[in-house]
Amino acid sequence: MIEESAFAQWNPQDYHDSYRQDLMKRIQDKIRSKQTHTLTPKEKAPKEERKSADIIDLMSVLKKSLEERGGRATPRKRKVGRRPGLNPGS
């Protein structure tokens, strides 16, 4: 049988985050003991002028490739139906 205490109402005030408090205490202790150092801002790298990419029309390139091979530029329609030898029970 399940105890009724397992279904007690949850009260957020019963819990607190001690991590933040501990962290702030350690920071204050380091400041008091002068175990700090000065951070200098990182220097920005000089901006390099970037070339834009060559943009190609992929569809025209594919069509040209098909024409050179002698292929069809439009897909052919498939016949609907069963293929011989694939019928179950045959």
C-alpha atoms as a PDB file:
ATOM      1  CA  MET A   1       0.000   0.000   0.000  1.00  0.00           C
ATOM      2  CA  ILE A   2       1.278   3.457  -0.883  1.00  0.00           C
ATOM      3  CA  GLU A   3       1.767   5.836   1.986  1.00  0.00           C
ATOM      4  CA  GLU A   4      -0.231   9.052   1.941  1.00  0.00           C
ATOM      5  CA  SER A   5       2.925  11.042   2.693  1.00  0.00           C
ATOM      6  CA  ALA A   6       4.111  10.307  -0.840  1.00  0.00           C
ATOM      7  CA  PHE A   7       1.252  12.461  -2.104  1.00  0.00           C
ATOM      8  CA  ALA A   8       1.960  15.503   0.074  1.00  0.00           C
ATOM      9  CA  GLN A   9       1.403  18.932  -1.495  1.00  0.00           C
ATOM     10  CA  TRP A  10       4.574  20.350  -3.084  1.00  0.00           C
ATOM     11  CA  ASN A  11       5.614  23.664  -1.592  1.00  0.00           C
ATOM     12  CA  PRO A  12       8.350  25.556  -3.483  1.00  0.00           C
ATOM     13  CA  GLN A  13       9.224  27.631  -0.401  1.00  0.00           C
ATOM     14  CA  ASP A  14      10.545  24.437   1.206  1.00  0.00           C
ATOM     15  CA  TYR A  15      13.373  24.370  -1.335  1.00  0.00           C
ATOM     16  CA  HIS A  16      16.071  26.864  -2.260  1.00  0.00           C
ATOM     17  CA  ASP A  17      18.985  26.965  -4.670  1.00  0.00           C
ATOM     18  CA  SER A  18      22.163  26.793  -2.624  1.00  0.00           C
ATOM     19  CA  TYR A  19      24.428  26.696  -5.701  1.00  0.00           C
ATOM     20  CA  ARG A  20      24.044  30.409  -6.396  1.00  0.00           C
ATOM     21  CA  GLN A  21      24.587  31.303  -2.761  1.00  0.00           C
ATOM     22  CA  ASP A  22      27.730  29.136  -2.566  1.00  0.00           C
ATOM     23  CA  LEU A  23      29.086  30.607  -5.798  1.00  0.00           C
ATOM     24  CA  MET A  24      28.547  34.192  -4.665  1.00  0.00           C
ATOM     25  CA  LYS A  25      30.239  33.403  -1.329  1.00  0.00           C
ATOM     26  CA  ARG A  26      33.305  31.994  -3.132  1.00  0.00           C
ATOM     27  CA  ILE A  27      33.469  35.058  -5.380  1.00  0.00           C
ATOM     28  CA  GLN A  28      33.313  37.415  -2.398  1.00  0.00           C
ATOM     29  CA  ASP A  29      36.018  35.380  -0.605  1.00  0.00           C
ATOM     30  CA  LYS A  30      38.322  35.664  -3.622  1.00  0.00           C
ATOM     31  CA  ILE A  31      37.727  39.417  -3.818  1.00  0.00           C
ATOM     32  CA  ARG A  32      38.547  39.850  -0.127  1.00  0.00           C
ATOM     33  CA  SER A  33      41.731  37.770  -0.433  1.00  0.00           C
ATOM     34  CA  LYS A  34      42.700  39.685  -3.613  1.00  0.00           C
ATOM     35  CA  GLN A  35      42.828  36.522  -5.731  1.00  0.00           C
ATOM     36  CA  THR A  36      41.509  38.333  -8.767  1.00  0.00           C
ATOM     37  CA  HIS A  37      42.926  39.481 -12.063  1.00  0.00           C
ATOM     38  CA  THR A  38      41.925  42.070 -14.616  1.00  0.00           C
ATOM     39  CA  LEU A  39      40.356  40.897 -17.829  1.00  0.00           C
ATOM     40  CA  THR A  40      41.314  42.760 -20.954  1.00  0.00           C
ATOM     41  CA  PRO A  41      38.910  42.898 -23.867  1.00  0.00           C
ATOM     42  CA  LYS A  42      39.819  40.671 -26.779  1.00  0.00           C
ATOM     43  CA  GLU A  43      41.148  42.550 -29.781  1.00  0.00           C
ATOM     44  CA  LYS A  44      38.919  42.394 -32.822  1.00  0.00           C
ATOM     45  CA  ALA A  45      40.419  40.809 -35.883  1.00  0.00           C
ATOM     46  CA  PRO A  46      40.603  43.085 -38.899  1.00  0.00           C
ATOM     47  CA  LYS A  47      37.688  42.587 -41.244  1.00  0.00           C
ATOM     48  CA  GLU A  48      38.624  40.858 -44.445  1.00  0.00           C
ATOM     49  CA  GLU A  49      36.724  41.621 -47.594  1.00  0.00           C
ATOM     50  CA  ARG A  50      35.017  38.422 -48.681  1.00  0.00           C
ATOM     51  CA  LYS A  51      34.258  37.547 -52.263  1.00  0.00           C
ATOM     52  CA  SER A  52      30.732  36.485 -52.990  1.00  0.00           C
ATOM     53  CA  ALA A  53      30.117  33.002 -54.281  1.00  0.00           C
ATOM     54  CA  ASP A  54      29.380  32.368 -57.931  1.00  0.00           C
ATOM     55  CA  ILE A  55      25.709  31.535 -58.190  1.00  0.00           C
ATOM     56  CA  ILE A  56      24.724  29.106 -60.914  1.00  0.00           C
ATOM     57  CA  ASP A  57      21.348  28.080 -62.230  1.00  0.00           C
ATOM     58  CA  LEU A  58      21.365  24.393 -61.386  1.00  0.00           C
ATOM     59  CA  MET A  59      18.334  23.584 -63.523  1.00  0.00           C
ATOM     60  CA  SER A  60      19.931  24.936 -66.704  1.00  0.00           C
ATOM     61  CA  VAL A  61      23.153  23.032 -65.992  1.00  0.00           C
ATOM     62  CA  LEU A  62      21.209  19.789 -65.499  1.00  0.00           C
ATOM     63  CA  LYS A  63      19.213  20.297 -68.701  1.00  0.00           C
ATOM     64  CA  LYS A  64      22.410  21.013 -70.651  1.00  0.00           C
ATOM     65  CA  SER A  65      23.989  17.854 -69.246  1.00  0.00           C
ATOM     66  CA  LEU A  66      20.988  15.775 -70.329  1.00  0.00           C
ATOM     67  CA  GLU A  67      21.037  17.297 -73.819  1.00  0.00           C
ATOM     68  CA  GLU A  68      24.739  16.486 -74.213  1.00  0.00           C
ATOM     69  CA  ARG A  69      24.104  12.856 -73.208  1.00  0.00           C
ATOM     70  CA  GLY A  70      21.104  12.571 -75.460  1.00  0.00           C
ATOM     71  CA  GLY A  71      18.828  11.971 -72.487  1.00  0.00           C
ATOM     72  CA  ARG A  72      15.338  13.251 -71.928  1.00  0.00           C
ATOM     73  CA  ALA A  73      14.824  16.593 -70.196  1.00  0.00           C
ATOM     74  CA  THR A  74      11.407  15.542 -68.922  1.00  0.00           C
ATOM     75  CA  PRO A  75      10.750  12.346 -66.991  1.00  0.00           C
ATOM     76  CA  ARG A  76       8.849   9.663 -68.860  1.00  0.00           C
ATOM     77  CA  LYS A  77       5.595   8.375 -67.488  1.00  0.00           C
ATOM     78  CA  ARG A  78       5.594   4.941 -65.922  1.00  0.00           C
ATOM     79  CA  LYS A  79       2.999   2.397 -66.765  1.00  0.00           C
ATOM     80  CA  VAL A  80       0.818   1.414 -63.855  1.00  0.00           C
ATOM     81  CA  GLY A  81       0.470  -2.291 -63.321  1.00  0.00           C
ATOM     82  CA  ARG A  82       2.271  -5.335 -62.169  1.00  0.00           C
ATOM     83  CA  ARG A  83       5.569  -6.413 -63.530  1.00  0.00           C
ATOM     84  CA  PRO A  84       5.851  -9.974 -64.801  1.00  0.00           C
ATOM     85  CA  GLY A  85       7.345 -12.402 -62.302  1.00  0.00           C
ATOM     86  CA  LEU A  86       6.465 -10.274 -59.277  1.00  0.00           C
ATOM     87  CA  ASN A  87       2.925 -11.521 -58.807  1.00  0.00           C
ATOM     88  CA  PRO A  88       2.507 -13.489 -55.609  1.00  0.00           C
ATOM     89  CA  GLY A  89       1.425 -17.043 -56.243  1.00  0.00           C
ATOM     90  CA  SER A  90       2.668 -17.188 -59.822  1.00  0.00           C
END
